Amino acid sequence: MEINVAKELAALQRLTPTDLRARYAEVFGEPTTTGNRTWLVRRIAWRLQVLAEGDLSARARTRAVQLARDADIRLIPPKGSTASAGPVHTGTVPRDTSDARLPPPGSVITRAYKGATVHVKVLPTGFEYDGRVFPSLSAVAKAVTGTHCNGFHFFKLNKPERA
Protein backbone atom coordinates (compact mmCIF):
# COMPACT_ATOMS: atom_id res chain seq x y z
CA MET A 1 0.00 0.00 0.00
CA GLU A 2 1.43 3.33 -1.07
CA ILE A 3 1.28 6.31 1.30
CA ASN A 4 0.43 9.76 -0.04
CA VAL A 5 2.67 11.78 2.32
CA ALA A 6 1.32 15.22 1.35
CA LYS A 7 -2.27 14.11 1.98
CA GLU A 8 -1.33 12.50 5.31
CA LEU A 9 0.52 15.65 6.45
CA ALA A 10 -2.49 17.82 5.65
CA ALA A 11 -4.68 15.46 7.66
CA LEU A 12 -2.30 15.61 10.65
CA GLN A 13 -2.76 19.38 10.92
CA ARG A 14 -6.48 18.93 11.56
CA LEU A 15 -6.13 16.33 14.35
CA THR A 16 -6.46 17.07 18.05
CA PRO A 17 -3.63 16.12 20.44
CA THR A 18 -5.61 13.07 21.57
CA ASP A 19 -6.06 11.94 17.96
CA LEU A 20 -2.37 12.64 17.29
CA ARG A 21 -1.38 10.38 20.20
CA ALA A 22 -3.58 7.63 18.77
CA ARG A 23 -2.04 8.12 15.32
CA TYR A 24 1.44 8.04 16.87
CA ALA A 25 0.66 4.71 18.52
CA GLU A 26 -0.63 3.39 15.20
CA VAL A 27 2.44 4.51 13.23
CA PHE A 28 5.17 3.70 15.78
CA GLY A 29 3.55 0.70 17.47
CA GLU A 30 3.95 2.18 20.95
CA PRO A 31 2.00 4.79 22.91
CA THR A 32 3.23 8.24 23.91
CA THR A 33 2.20 10.43 26.83
CA THR A 34 3.14 13.77 25.35
CA GLY A 35 0.51 16.28 24.43
CA ASN A 36 2.89 18.54 22.52
CA ARG A 37 1.12 18.98 19.23
CA THR A 38 4.11 20.28 17.27
CA TRP A 39 6.35 17.42 18.39
CA LEU A 40 3.70 14.80 17.59
CA VAL A 41 3.06 16.21 14.12
CA ARG A 42 6.79 16.29 13.32
CA ARG A 43 7.47 12.77 14.58
CA ILE A 44 4.47 11.26 12.78
CA ALA A 45 5.35 13.13 9.57
CA TRP A 46 8.93 11.83 9.77
CA ARG A 47 7.73 8.27 10.29
CA LEU A 48 5.25 8.48 7.43
CA GLN A 49 7.99 9.77 5.16
CA VAL A 50 10.28 6.90 6.21
CA LEU A 51 7.56 4.36 5.48
CA ALA A 52 6.85 5.90 2.08
CA GLU A 53 10.35 6.71 0.83
CA GLY A 54 12.75 4.63 2.92
CA ASP A 55 14.94 5.23 5.94
CA LEU A 56 18.43 6.71 6.31
CA SER A 57 21.28 5.25 4.30
CA ALA A 58 23.87 3.06 6.00
CA ARG A 59 26.42 5.88 5.67
CA ALA A 60 24.08 8.36 7.37
CA ARG A 61 23.38 5.89 10.19
CA THR A 62 27.11 5.35 10.75
CA ARG A 63 27.68 9.09 10.93
CA ALA A 64 24.78 9.50 13.37
CA VAL A 65 26.33 6.84 15.64
CA GLN A 66 29.66 8.68 15.52
CA LEU A 67 27.98 11.96 16.48
CA ALA A 68 25.98 10.29 19.24
CA ARG A 69 29.17 9.11 20.95
CA ASP A 70 30.04 12.75 21.60
CA ALA A 71 26.57 13.71 22.78
CA ASP A 72 25.70 14.25 26.44
CA ILE A 73 24.39 11.16 28.16
CA ARG A 74 20.99 11.29 29.82
CA LEU A 75 21.43 10.85 33.58
CA ILE A 76 17.77 10.71 34.54
CA PRO A 77 15.89 7.72 33.11
CA PRO A 78 12.42 8.14 31.64
CA LYS A 79 9.43 7.65 33.94
CA GLY A 80 8.61 4.01 34.50
CA SER A 81 12.17 2.86 33.77
CA THR A 82 13.84 0.47 36.20
CA ALA A 83 17.33 1.82 35.45
CA SER A 84 19.19 3.72 38.15
CA ALA A 85 19.27 7.50 37.98
CA GLY A 86 23.07 7.69 37.70
CA PRO A 87 25.46 9.17 40.17
CA VAL A 88 23.89 10.82 43.18
CA HIS A 89 25.80 13.49 45.06
CA THR A 90 26.23 12.94 48.76
CA GLY A 91 28.29 14.85 51.27
CA THR A 92 29.43 18.42 51.19
CA VAL A 93 30.30 20.53 48.20
CA PRO A 94 33.60 22.38 48.25
CA ARG A 95 32.58 26.00 48.29
CA ASP A 96 34.15 28.96 46.58
CA THR A 97 36.36 30.66 49.17
CA SER A 98 36.69 33.85 47.14
CA ASP A 99 33.52 35.33 48.65
CA ALA A 100 34.72 38.25 50.77
CA ARG A 101 31.59 38.13 52.95
CA LEU A 102 32.65 34.83 54.56
CA PRO A 103 35.07 34.66 57.47
CA PRO A 104 38.03 32.28 57.12
CA PRO A 105 37.62 28.55 57.97
CA GLY A 106 37.73 27.91 61.71
CA SER A 107 35.75 31.06 62.53
CA VAL A 108 32.43 30.93 64.36
CA ILE A 109 29.43 32.96 63.18
CA THR A 110 26.92 33.81 65.91
CA ARG A 111 23.39 35.14 65.66
CA ALA A 112 20.65 35.64 68.22
CA TYR A 113 17.39 34.11 67.00
CA LYS A 114 14.16 33.81 69.02
CA GLY A 115 15.88 34.07 72.38
CA ALA A 116 18.65 31.57 71.58
CA THR A 117 22.14 32.08 70.22
CA VAL A 118 23.00 30.22 67.03
CA HIS A 119 26.67 29.24 66.62
CA VAL A 120 27.92 28.14 63.18
CA LYS A 121 31.50 27.04 62.61
CA VAL A 122 32.98 27.84 59.20
CA LEU A 123 34.68 24.78 57.67
CA PRO A 124 36.81 24.56 54.52
CA THR A 125 34.04 22.56 52.80
CA GLY A 126 30.87 23.86 54.46
CA PHE A 127 29.35 24.98 57.74
CA GLU A 128 28.86 23.04 60.97
CA TYR A 129 25.74 23.66 63.04
CA ASP A 130 24.24 21.49 65.76
CA GLY A 131 26.64 18.62 65.01
CA ARG A 132 25.74 18.49 61.30
CA VAL A 133 27.64 19.81 58.27
CA PHE A 134 25.73 21.94 55.75
CA PRO A 135 26.93 22.91 52.25
CA SER A 136 25.76 26.54 52.50
CA LEU A 137 24.72 29.23 54.94
CA SER A 138 21.25 29.15 53.42
CA ALA A 139 20.94 25.48 54.38
CA VAL A 140 21.93 26.37 57.95
CA ALA A 141 19.41 29.22 58.02
CA LYS A 142 16.71 26.86 56.81
CA ALA A 143 17.59 24.34 59.55
CA VAL A 144 17.36 27.12 62.17
CA THR A 145 14.19 28.85 60.94
CA GLY A 146 12.34 26.06 59.16
CA THR A 147 11.87 28.22 56.06
CA HIS A 148 14.11 29.10 53.16
CA CYS A 149 16.00 32.35 53.50
CA ASN A 150 19.26 33.83 52.28
CA GLY A 151 22.05 32.69 54.61
CA PHE A 152 24.11 35.86 54.20
CA HIS A 153 21.06 37.95 55.03
CA PHE A 154 20.08 35.77 58.02
CA PHE A 155 23.57 35.93 59.54
CA LYS A 156 23.93 39.61 58.53
CA LEU A 157 27.06 39.00 56.48
CA ASN A 158 25.96 40.86 53.35
CA LYS A 159 26.73 44.33 54.77
CA PRO A 160 30.13 45.57 55.95
CA GLU A 161 30.48 45.84 59.72
CA ARG A 162 30.33 49.30 61.22
CA ALA A 163 33.03 50.54 63.56
C-alpha atoms as a PDB file:
ATOM      1  CA  MET A   1       0.000   0.000   0.000  1.00  0.00           C
ATOM      2  CA  GLU A   2       1.432   3.330  -1.067  1.00  0.00           C
ATOM      3  CA  ILE A   3       1.283   6.308   1.296  1.00  0.00           C
ATOM      4  CA  ASN A   4       0.432   9.763  -0.039  1.00  0.00           C
ATOM      5  CA  VAL A   5       2.667  11.781   2.316  1.00  0.00           C
ATOM      6  CA  ALA A   6       1.317  15.216   1.351  1.00  0.00           C
ATOM      7  CA  LYS A   7      -2.266  14.114   1.978  1.00  0.00           C
ATOM      8  CA  GLU A   8      -1.329  12.503   5.309  1.00  0.00           C
ATOM      9  CA  LEU A   9       0.519  15.654   6.446  1.00  0.00           C
ATOM     10  CA  ALA A  10      -2.490  17.822   5.652  1.00  0.00           C
ATOM     11  CA  ALA A  11      -4.685  15.461   7.663  1.00  0.00           C
ATOM     12  CA  LEU A  12      -2.300  15.614  10.649  1.00  0.00           C
ATOM     13  CA  GLN A  13      -2.758  19.382  10.921  1.00  0.00           C
ATOM     14  CA  ARG A  14      -6.484  18.927  11.565  1.00  0.00           C
ATOM     15  CA  LEU A  15      -6.127  16.325  14.346  1.00  0.00           C
ATOM     16  CA  THR A  16      -6.463  17.066  18.051  1.00  0.00           C
ATOM     17  CA  PRO A  17      -3.629  16.117  20.441  1.00  0.00           C
ATOM     18  CA  THR A  18      -5.609  13.066  21.572  1.00  0.00           C
ATOM     19  CA  ASP A  19      -6.058  11.940  17.959  1.00  0.00           C
ATOM     20  CA  LEU A  20      -2.369  12.635  17.289  1.00  0.00           C
ATOM     21  CA  ARG A  21      -1.378  10.383  20.203  1.00  0.00           C
ATOM     22  CA  ALA A  22      -3.578   7.631  18.766  1.00  0.00           C
ATOM     23  CA  ARG A  23      -2.040   8.123  15.318  1.00  0.00           C
ATOM     24  CA  TYR A  24       1.438   8.045  16.869  1.00  0.00           C
ATOM     25  CA  ALA A  25       0.663   4.706  18.523  1.00  0.00           C
ATOM     26  CA  GLU A  26      -0.633   3.394  15.201  1.00  0.00           C
ATOM     27  CA  VAL A  27       2.437   4.506  13.229  1.00  0.00           C
ATOM     28  CA  PHE A  28       5.172   3.701  15.779  1.00  0.00           C
ATOM     29  CA  GLY A  29       3.553   0.699  17.465  1.00  0.00           C
ATOM     30  CA  GLU A  30       3.945   2.178  20.955  1.00  0.00           C
ATOM     31  CA  PRO A  31       1.998   4.791  22.911  1.00  0.00           C
ATOM     32  CA  THR A  32       3.232   8.237  23.912  1.00  0.00           C
ATOM     33  CA  THR A  33       2.203  10.426  26.834  1.00  0.00           C
ATOM     34  CA  THR A  34       3.140  13.769  25.347  1.00  0.00           C
ATOM     35  CA  GLY A  35       0.506  16.278  24.428  1.00  0.00           C
ATOM     36  CA  ASN A  36       2.895  18.544  22.519  1.00  0.00           C
ATOM     37  CA  ARG A  37       1.116  18.983  19.232  1.00  0.00           C
ATOM     38  CA  THR A  38       4.106  20.277  17.271  1.00  0.00           C
ATOM     39  CA  TRP A  39       6.346  17.417  18.386  1.00  0.00           C
ATOM     40  CA  LEU A  40       3.696  14.802  17.595  1.00  0.00           C
ATOM     41  CA  VAL A  41       3.062  16.210  14.117  1.00  0.00           C
ATOM     42  CA  ARG A  42       6.789  16.295  13.317  1.00  0.00           C
ATOM     43  CA  ARG A  43       7.466  12.770  14.581  1.00  0.00           C
ATOM     44  CA  ILE A  44       4.465  11.262  12.781  1.00  0.00           C
ATOM     45  CA  ALA A  45       5.352  13.129   9.574  1.00  0.00           C
ATOM     46  CA  TRP A  46       8.928  11.835   9.768  1.00  0.00           C
ATOM     47  CA  ARG A  47       7.730   8.265  10.294  1.00  0.00           C
ATOM     48  CA  LEU A  48       5.245   8.481   7.428  1.00  0.00           C
ATOM     49  CA  GLN A  49       7.989   9.771   5.157  1.00  0.00           C
ATOM     50  CA  VAL A  50      10.279   6.902   6.212  1.00  0.00           C
ATOM     51  CA  LEU A  51       7.565   4.364   5.485  1.00  0.00           C
ATOM     52  CA  ALA A  52       6.852   5.899   2.082  1.00  0.00           C
ATOM     53  CA  GLU A  53      10.353   6.713   0.833  1.00  0.00           C
ATOM     54  CA  GLY A  54      12.748   4.632   2.920  1.00  0.00           C
ATOM     55  CA  ASP A  55      14.940   5.225   5.941  1.00  0.00           C
ATOM     56  CA  LEU A  56      18.426   6.711   6.312  1.00  0.00           C
ATOM     57  CA  SER A  57      21.277   5.248   4.300  1.00  0.00           C
ATOM     58  CA  ALA A  58      23.870   3.055   5.997  1.00  0.00           C
ATOM     59  CA  ARG A  59      26.417   5.878   5.672  1.00  0.00           C
ATOM     60  CA  ALA A  60      24.083   8.362   7.370  1.00  0.00           C
ATOM     61  CA  ARG A  61      23.377   5.893  10.189  1.00  0.00           C
ATOM     62  CA  THR A  62      27.109   5.346  10.752  1.00  0.00           C
ATOM     63  CA  ARG A  63      27.684   9.094  10.929  1.00  0.00           C
ATOM     64  CA  ALA A  64      24.782   9.495  13.373  1.00  0.00           C
ATOM     65  CA  VAL A  65      26.328   6.843  15.643  1.00  0.00           C
ATOM     66  CA  GLN A  66      29.663   8.676  15.517  1.00  0.00           C
ATOM     67  CA  LEU A  67      27.979  11.956  16.483  1.00  0.00           C
ATOM     68  CA  ALA A  68      25.975  10.294  19.241  1.00  0.00           C
ATOM     69  CA  ARG A  69      29.168   9.112  20.945  1.00  0.00           C
ATOM     70  CA  ASP A  70      30.043  12.754  21.598  1.00  0.00           C
ATOM     71  CA  ALA A  71      26.568  13.708  22.784  1.00  0.00           C
ATOM     72  CA  ASP A  72      25.699  14.248  26.437  1.00  0.00           C
ATOM     73  CA  ILE A  73      24.390  11.159  28.160  1.00  0.00           C
ATOM     74  CA  ARG A  74      20.986  11.293  29.823  1.00  0.00           C
ATOM     75  CA  LEU A  75      21.425  10.854  33.579  1.00  0.00           C
ATOM     76  CA  ILE A  76      17.770  10.706  34.544  1.00  0.00           C
ATOM     77  CA  PRO A  77      15.895   7.715  33.114  1.00  0.00           C
ATOM     78  CA  PRO A  78      12.417   8.140  31.644  1.00  0.00           C
ATOM     79  CA  LYS A  79       9.428   7.650  33.936  1.00  0.00           C
ATOM     80  CA  GLY A  80       8.614   4.009  34.496  1.00  0.00           C
ATOM     81  CA  SER A  81      12.166   2.859  33.768  1.00  0.00           C
ATOM     82  CA  THR A  82      13.842   0.470  36.196  1.00  0.00           C
ATOM     83  CA  ALA A  83      17.330   1.816  35.453  1.00  0.00           C
ATOM     84  CA  SER A  84      19.187   3.717  38.152  1.00  0.00           C
ATOM     85  CA  ALA A  85      19.270   7.502  37.982  1.00  0.00           C
ATOM     86  CA  GLY A  86      23.065   7.689  37.696  1.00  0.00           C
ATOM     87  CA  PRO A  87      25.463   9.173  40.173  1.00  0.00           C
ATOM     88  CA  VAL A  88      23.886  10.818  43.182  1.00  0.00           C
ATOM     89  CA  HIS A  89      25.798  13.489  45.061  1.00  0.00           C
ATOM     90  CA  THR A  90      26.234  12.938  48.763  1.00  0.00           C
ATOM     91  CA  GLY A  91      28.290  14.847  51.265  1.00  0.00           C
ATOM     92  CA  THR A  92      29.427  18.417  51.188  1.00  0.00           C
ATOM     93  CA  VAL A  93      30.296  20.532  48.204  1.00  0.00           C
ATOM     94  CA  PRO A  94      33.603  22.381  48.254  1.00  0.00           C
ATOM     95  CA  ARG A  95      32.580  25.997  48.293  1.00  0.00           C
ATOM     96  CA  ASP A  96      34.145  28.964  46.579  1.00  0.00           C
ATOM     97  CA  THR A  97      36.358  30.660  49.171  1.00  0.00           C
ATOM     98  CA  SER A  98      36.691  33.845  47.140  1.00  0.00           C
ATOM     99  CA  ASP A  99      33.516  35.327  48.654  1.00  0.00           C
ATOM    100  CA  ALA A 100      34.720  38.248  50.772  1.00  0.00           C
ATOM    101  CA  ARG A 101      31.589  38.129  52.955  1.00  0.00           C
ATOM    102  CA  LEU A 102      32.648  34.831  54.556  1.00  0.00           C
ATOM    103  CA  PRO A 103      35.070  34.664  57.469  1.00  0.00           C
ATOM    104  CA  PRO A 104      38.032  32.275  57.119  1.00  0.00           C
ATOM    105  CA  PRO A 105      37.622  28.554  57.967  1.00  0.00           C
ATOM    106  CA  GLY A 106      37.733  27.914  61.709  1.00  0.00           C
ATOM    107  CA  SER A 107      35.750  31.062  62.530  1.00  0.00           C
ATOM    108  CA  VAL A 108      32.429  30.928  64.359  1.00  0.00           C
ATOM    109  CA  ILE A 109      29.429  32.962  63.183  1.00  0.00           C
ATOM    110  CA  THR A 110      26.918  33.814  65.906  1.00  0.00           C
ATOM    111  CA  ARG A 111      23.386  35.145  65.658  1.00  0.00           C
ATOM    112  CA  ALA A 112      20.649  35.638  68.216  1.00  0.00           C
ATOM    113  CA  TYR A 113      17.392  34.105  67.004  1.00  0.00           C
ATOM    114  CA  LYS A 114      14.156  33.808  69.018  1.00  0.00           C
ATOM    115  CA  GLY A 115      15.876  34.070  72.377  1.00  0.00           C
ATOM    116  CA  ALA A 116      18.648  31.568  71.578  1.00  0.00           C
ATOM    117  CA  THR A 117      22.141  32.080  70.221  1.00  0.00           C
ATOM    118  CA  VAL A 118      23.003  30.218  67.028  1.00  0.00           C
ATOM    119  CA  HIS A 119      26.674  29.235  66.622  1.00  0.00           C
ATOM    120  CA  VAL A 120      27.918  28.142  63.184  1.00  0.00           C
ATOM    121  CA  LYS A 121      31.502  27.040  62.615  1.00  0.00           C
ATOM    122  CA  VAL A 122      32.984  27.838  59.198  1.00  0.00           C
ATOM    123  CA  LEU A 123      34.675  24.776  57.671  1.00  0.00           C
ATOM    124  CA  PRO A 124      36.807  24.562  54.520  1.00  0.00           C
ATOM    125  CA  THR A 125      34.037  22.555  52.803  1.00  0.00           C
ATOM    126  CA  GLY A 126      30.868  23.858  54.457  1.00  0.00           C
ATOM    127  CA  PHE A 127      29.348  24.976  57.737  1.00  0.00           C
ATOM    128  CA  GLU A 128      28.858  23.043  60.975  1.00  0.00           C
ATOM    129  CA  TYR A 129      25.741  23.663  63.042  1.00  0.00           C
ATOM    130  CA  ASP A 130      24.239  21.493  65.761  1.00  0.00           C
ATOM    131  CA  GLY A 131      26.637  18.623  65.009  1.00  0.00           C
ATOM    132  CA  ARG A 132      25.742  18.493  61.304  1.00  0.00           C
ATOM    133  CA  VAL A 133      27.640  19.807  58.268  1.00  0.00           C
ATOM    134  CA  PHE A 134      25.734  21.944  55.748  1.00  0.00           C
ATOM    135  CA  PRO A 135      26.929  22.910  52.255  1.00  0.00           C
ATOM    136  CA  SER A 136      25.761  26.539  52.505  1.00  0.00           C
ATOM    137  CA  LEU A 137      24.718  29.230  54.941  1.00  0.00           C
ATOM    138  CA  SER A 138      21.249  29.148  53.417  1.00  0.00           C
ATOM    139  CA  ALA A 139      20.942  25.483  54.381  1.00  0.00           C
ATOM    140  CA  VAL A 140      21.931  26.368  57.950  1.00  0.00           C
ATOM    141  CA  ALA A 141      19.415  29.222  58.020  1.00  0.00           C
ATOM    142  CA  LYS A 142      16.710  26.858  56.813  1.00  0.00           C
ATOM    143  CA  ALA A 143      17.591  24.344  59.549  1.00  0.00           C
ATOM    144  CA  VAL A 144      17.361  27.122  62.167  1.00  0.00           C
ATOM    145  CA  THR A 145      14.190  28.852  60.939  1.00  0.00           C
ATOM    146  CA  GLY A 146      12.343  26.055  59.160  1.00  0.00           C
ATOM    147  CA  THR A 147      11.865  28.216  56.064  1.00  0.00           C
ATOM    148  CA  HIS A 148      14.111  29.102  53.158  1.00  0.00           C
ATOM    149  CA  CYS A 149      16.000  32.354  53.501  1.00  0.00           C
ATOM    150  CA  ASN A 150      19.261  33.828  52.284  1.00  0.00           C
ATOM    151  CA  GLY A 151      22.053  32.690  54.609  1.00  0.00           C
ATOM    152  CA  PHE A 152      24.113  35.863  54.199  1.00  0.00           C
ATOM    153  CA  HIS A 153      21.057  37.948  55.029  1.00  0.00           C
ATOM    154  CA  PHE A 154      20.081  35.767  58.016  1.00  0.00           C
ATOM    155  CA  PHE A 155      23.567  35.929  59.542  1.00  0.00           C
ATOM    156  CA  LYS A 156      23.927  39.608  58.525  1.00  0.00           C
ATOM    157  CA  LEU A 157      27.057  39.003  56.475  1.00  0.00           C
ATOM    158  CA  ASN A 158      25.961  40.858  53.351  1.00  0.00           C
ATOM    159  CA  LYS A 159      26.732  44.333  54.766  1.00  0.00           C
ATOM    160  CA  PRO A 160      30.135  45.575  55.947  1.00  0.00           C
ATOM    161  CA  GLU A 161      30.484  45.843  59.720  1.00  0.00           C
ATOM    162  CA  ARG A 162      30.328  49.303  61.222  1.00  0.00           C
ATOM    163  CA  ALA A 163      33.031  50.537  63.558  1.00  0.00           C
END
